[in-house]
Amino acid sequence: MRWLAGGVSVLILLAVLPARAADEAIDRLISKLPPPQKLIDPAINDPLNNQIIAATKAHNFGVALDLSRRLADRYPKSLSAHLLHGLLAASVREFREASDAYHKALSIRPDFPAAYVGLGIVEASQNRFSAALSDFQKITRIAPQLDVGWVGSSACAEKLGRRQESLEFARRATSVAPSSVGAWLQLAREEGLAGNSQAANAALARAKQLQRNPPRANTKQQ
């Protein structure tokens, strides 16, 4: 499912997460999902996928969305088809359609973290930060080792004015994913907002260090 980690996913994550955090978080999330063969998902090898990829690379997101609708209709039990449909619908701000797609994925597999990421982004994109926080918190329960749940929770809590919770969530993100640049950037922001300038500077320095010397791909995330 690495093909889902392209530009479309980043575009919609920018609605709630800092750009660097968005890119890294969704990439790590998808990389930790079961490989396609374990999902037993026939939609993975459908020729429509290549057409969708070509359309998104050409920035023809409307065309890509229409193709993803066809893919989801063709494979109503496919997690990847519904997730891709949701990503593309959200990217063109068809939020109701995106939400429906993510809920279809959850009806197949209720513990599917990527669908909750999508729902959280859809809600946050509409300034429904309380609902978005609930979605990101579900990720922290289903997959507590993923930084995306904690970073998303922190960003939403900040929007809701819940500064102490936002800071605690950001600290937890760096605890579970100490090699995540996005987590350290979020912590730097929250420490700064809390008036902890020394801690904010330390977190920012760590983020910059990781940017200069990223961990090797095979480094185990905690």
Protein backbone atom coordinates (compact mmCIF):
# COMPACT_ATOMS: atom_id res chain seq x y z
CA MET A 1 0.00 0.00 0.00
CA ARG A 2 2.98 2.32 -0.33
CA TRP A 3 1.38 3.86 -3.42
CA LEU A 4 -1.07 5.61 -1.10
CA ALA A 5 1.72 7.68 0.42
CA GLY A 6 1.95 10.09 -2.50
CA GLY A 7 1.06 13.73 -2.94
CA VAL A 8 -2.69 13.34 -2.43
CA SER A 9 -2.33 12.12 1.14
CA VAL A 10 -0.02 15.01 1.98
CA LEU A 11 -2.42 17.57 0.51
CA ILE A 12 -5.25 16.63 2.81
CA LEU A 13 -3.10 16.12 5.90
CA LEU A 14 -2.01 19.75 5.68
CA ALA A 15 -5.46 20.68 6.95
CA VAL A 16 -4.49 19.74 10.50
CA LEU A 17 -0.82 18.79 10.77
CA PRO A 18 2.34 20.82 10.06
CA ALA A 19 3.59 20.05 6.57
CA ARG A 20 6.65 18.04 7.60
CA ALA A 21 4.68 16.18 10.24
CA ALA A 22 1.93 15.40 7.74
CA ASP A 23 4.28 13.93 5.15
CA GLU A 24 6.21 11.81 7.62
CA ALA A 25 3.22 10.68 9.68
CA ILE A 26 1.13 9.37 6.80
CA ASP A 27 4.17 7.70 5.26
CA ARG A 28 4.97 5.88 8.50
CA LEU A 29 1.34 4.96 9.09
CA ILE A 30 0.89 3.35 5.71
CA SER A 31 4.26 1.61 5.88
CA LYS A 32 3.11 -0.13 9.08
CA LEU A 33 -0.15 -1.42 7.60
CA PRO A 34 -0.33 -5.07 6.56
CA PRO A 35 1.15 -5.70 3.10
CA PRO A 36 -1.37 -6.11 0.27
CA GLN A 37 -0.98 -9.86 0.09
CA LYS A 38 -2.01 -10.16 3.74
CA LEU A 39 -5.05 -7.98 3.12
CA ILE A 40 -6.03 -10.35 0.30
CA ASP A 41 -7.22 -7.32 -1.63
CA PRO A 42 -7.88 -7.92 -5.35
CA ALA A 43 -8.26 -4.18 -5.98
CA ILE A 44 -4.49 -3.79 -5.54
CA ASN A 45 -3.76 -5.30 -8.95
CA ASP A 46 -6.66 -3.81 -10.90
CA PRO A 47 -5.56 -1.78 -13.97
CA LEU A 48 -7.61 1.14 -12.68
CA ASN A 49 -4.85 1.68 -10.10
CA ASN A 50 -2.33 2.61 -12.78
CA GLN A 51 -4.82 5.03 -14.28
CA ILE A 52 -5.44 6.63 -10.89
CA ILE A 53 -1.71 7.01 -10.27
CA ALA A 54 -1.21 8.58 -13.70
CA ALA A 55 -4.08 11.01 -13.12
CA THR A 56 -2.79 12.10 -9.71
CA LYS A 57 0.73 12.60 -11.05
CA ALA A 58 -0.78 14.83 -13.72
CA HIS A 59 -2.74 16.67 -10.99
CA ASN A 60 -6.01 15.57 -12.61
CA PHE A 61 -7.60 14.91 -9.24
CA GLY A 62 -11.15 15.06 -10.54
CA VAL A 63 -10.38 12.30 -13.02
CA ALA A 64 -8.56 10.33 -10.34
CA LEU A 65 -11.55 10.66 -8.01
CA ASP A 66 -13.93 9.38 -10.66
CA LEU A 67 -11.65 6.40 -11.30
CA SER A 68 -11.45 5.69 -7.57
CA ARG A 69 -15.25 5.65 -7.39
CA ARG A 70 -15.27 3.01 -10.10
CA LEU A 71 -12.63 1.01 -8.25
CA ALA A 72 -14.58 1.13 -4.97
CA ASP A 73 -17.79 0.12 -6.75
CA ARG A 74 -15.98 -2.76 -8.41
CA TYR A 75 -14.53 -3.99 -5.10
CA PRO A 76 -17.02 -3.13 -2.32
CA LYS A 77 -15.08 -5.25 0.20
CA SER A 78 -11.70 -3.69 -0.57
CA LEU A 79 -10.00 -1.68 2.18
CA SER A 80 -7.50 -0.12 -0.20
CA ALA A 81 -10.18 0.91 -2.70
CA HIS A 82 -12.27 2.69 -0.06
CA LEU A 83 -9.21 4.31 1.50
CA LEU A 84 -8.01 5.62 -1.86
CA HIS A 85 -11.52 6.85 -2.65
CA GLY A 86 -11.58 8.72 0.65
CA LEU A 87 -8.14 10.26 0.10
CA LEU A 88 -9.04 11.55 -3.34
CA ALA A 89 -12.48 12.81 -2.31
CA ALA A 90 -10.94 14.73 0.58
CA SER A 91 -8.23 16.17 -1.66
CA VAL A 92 -10.91 17.96 -3.71
CA ARG A 93 -12.93 18.85 -0.59
CA GLU A 94 -15.73 16.38 -1.21
CA PHE A 95 -15.84 15.79 2.52
CA ARG A 96 -19.15 13.95 2.80
CA GLU A 97 -18.08 11.51 0.11
CA ALA A 98 -14.69 11.06 1.79
CA SER A 99 -16.31 10.38 5.14
CA ASP A 100 -18.62 7.79 3.59
CA ALA A 101 -15.64 6.06 1.98
CA TYR A 102 -13.73 5.87 5.26
CA HIS A 103 -16.78 4.54 7.09
CA LYS A 104 -17.12 1.83 4.46
CA ALA A 105 -13.52 0.83 5.14
CA LEU A 106 -14.25 0.72 8.87
CA SER A 107 -17.32 -1.44 8.29
CA ILE A 108 -14.93 -4.00 6.80
CA ARG A 109 -12.22 -3.60 9.44
CA PRO A 110 -13.17 -1.50 12.51
CA ASP A 111 -9.56 -1.26 13.72
CA PHE A 112 -8.17 0.20 10.47
CA PRO A 113 -5.99 3.18 11.59
CA ALA A 114 -5.68 4.80 8.16
CA ALA A 115 -9.46 5.24 7.95
CA TYR A 116 -9.47 7.08 11.29
CA VAL A 117 -6.64 9.30 10.03
CA GLY A 118 -8.81 10.15 7.05
CA LEU A 119 -11.85 10.86 9.20
CA GLY A 120 -9.79 13.06 11.49
CA ILE A 121 -8.52 15.07 8.55
CA VAL A 122 -12.00 15.43 7.09
CA GLU A 123 -13.36 16.75 10.38
CA ALA A 124 -10.40 19.08 10.97
CA SER A 125 -10.70 20.43 7.42
CA GLN A 126 -14.18 21.61 8.37
CA ASN A 127 -13.00 23.07 11.70
CA ARG A 128 -14.70 20.28 13.63
CA PHE A 129 -11.76 19.82 15.92
CA SER A 130 -13.59 18.04 18.71
CA ALA A 131 -14.71 15.29 16.33
CA ALA A 132 -11.24 15.21 14.75
CA LEU A 133 -9.63 14.82 18.16
CA SER A 134 -11.91 11.86 18.86
CA ASP A 135 -10.76 10.21 15.62
CA PHE A 136 -7.07 10.75 16.35
CA GLN A 137 -7.55 9.46 19.87
CA LYS A 138 -8.99 6.25 18.44
CA ILE A 139 -5.73 5.82 16.55
CA THR A 140 -3.76 6.17 19.79
CA ARG A 141 -5.81 3.32 21.25
CA ILE A 142 -5.69 1.08 18.18
CA ALA A 143 -2.05 1.76 17.28
CA PRO A 144 -0.37 3.65 20.14
CA GLN A 145 3.05 3.21 18.54
CA LEU A 146 2.12 5.48 15.59
CA ASP A 147 3.06 9.13 15.98
CA VAL A 148 0.26 10.29 13.69
CA GLY A 149 -2.40 9.68 16.35
CA TRP A 150 -0.51 11.66 19.00
CA VAL A 151 0.57 14.49 16.67
CA GLY A 152 -2.96 14.82 15.29
CA SER A 153 -4.40 14.79 18.81
CA SER A 154 -1.96 17.50 19.85
CA ALA A 155 -2.82 19.72 16.88
CA CYS A 156 -6.56 19.35 17.50
CA ALA A 157 -6.30 19.90 21.24
CA GLU A 158 -4.40 23.12 20.54
CA LYS A 159 -7.18 24.32 18.25
CA LEU A 160 -9.67 23.61 21.02
CA GLY A 161 -7.65 25.66 23.50
CA ARG A 162 -6.72 22.58 25.53
CA ARG A 163 -3.08 23.53 25.84
CA GLN A 164 -2.00 21.14 28.57
CA GLU A 165 -3.46 18.15 26.73
CA SER A 166 -1.89 19.35 23.50
CA LEU A 167 1.51 19.49 25.18
CA GLU A 168 1.08 16.05 26.75
CA PHE A 169 0.06 14.52 23.41
CA ALA A 170 3.10 16.08 21.70
CA ARG A 171 5.40 14.72 24.39
CA ARG A 172 3.86 11.28 23.95
CA ALA A 173 4.46 11.49 20.19
CA THR A 174 8.20 11.93 20.71
CA SER A 175 8.15 9.15 23.28
CA VAL A 176 6.60 6.57 20.95
CA ALA A 177 8.42 7.81 17.84
CA PRO A 178 11.72 9.37 18.91
CA SER A 179 12.97 9.42 15.32
CA SER A 180 9.97 11.37 14.00
CA VAL A 181 10.83 14.86 12.81
CA GLY A 182 7.15 15.76 12.80
CA ALA A 183 6.71 14.72 16.41
CA TRP A 184 9.65 16.87 17.54
CA LEU A 185 8.41 19.85 15.53
CA GLN A 186 4.98 19.53 17.14
CA LEU A 187 6.59 19.32 20.57
CA ALA A 188 8.71 22.39 19.85
CA ARG A 189 5.56 24.30 18.95
CA GLU A 190 3.63 23.20 22.02
CA GLU A 191 6.52 23.81 24.42
CA GLY A 192 6.87 27.27 22.92
CA LEU A 193 3.17 28.04 23.35
CA ALA A 194 3.44 26.87 26.95
CA GLY A 195 6.26 29.34 27.55
CA ASN A 196 8.91 26.65 27.92
CA SER A 197 11.48 28.26 25.66
CA GLN A 198 14.38 26.05 26.66
CA ALA A 199 12.40 22.86 26.04
CA ALA A 200 11.06 24.29 22.77
CA ASN A 201 14.56 25.08 21.54
CA ALA A 202 15.78 21.62 22.52
CA ALA A 203 12.92 19.95 20.64
CA LEU A 204 13.51 22.11 17.58
CA ALA A 205 17.21 21.28 17.67
CA ARG A 206 16.38 17.58 17.78
CA ALA A 207 14.03 17.94 14.79
CA LYS A 208 16.75 19.72 12.80
CA GLN A 209 19.29 17.07 13.76
CA LEU A 210 16.96 14.34 12.51
CA GLN A 211 16.39 16.27 9.29
CA ARG A 212 20.15 16.47 8.70
CA ASN A 213 20.79 12.87 9.70
CA PRO A 214 17.59 10.87 9.19
CA PRO A 215 17.56 7.35 10.64
CA ARG A 216 18.16 4.51 8.23
CA ALA A 217 15.03 2.99 6.71
CA ASN A 218 15.48 -0.22 8.65
CA THR A 219 15.74 1.59 12.00
CA LYS A 220 13.07 0.21 14.29
CA GLN A 221 10.55 2.83 15.41
CA GLN A 222 9.67 2.69 19.06
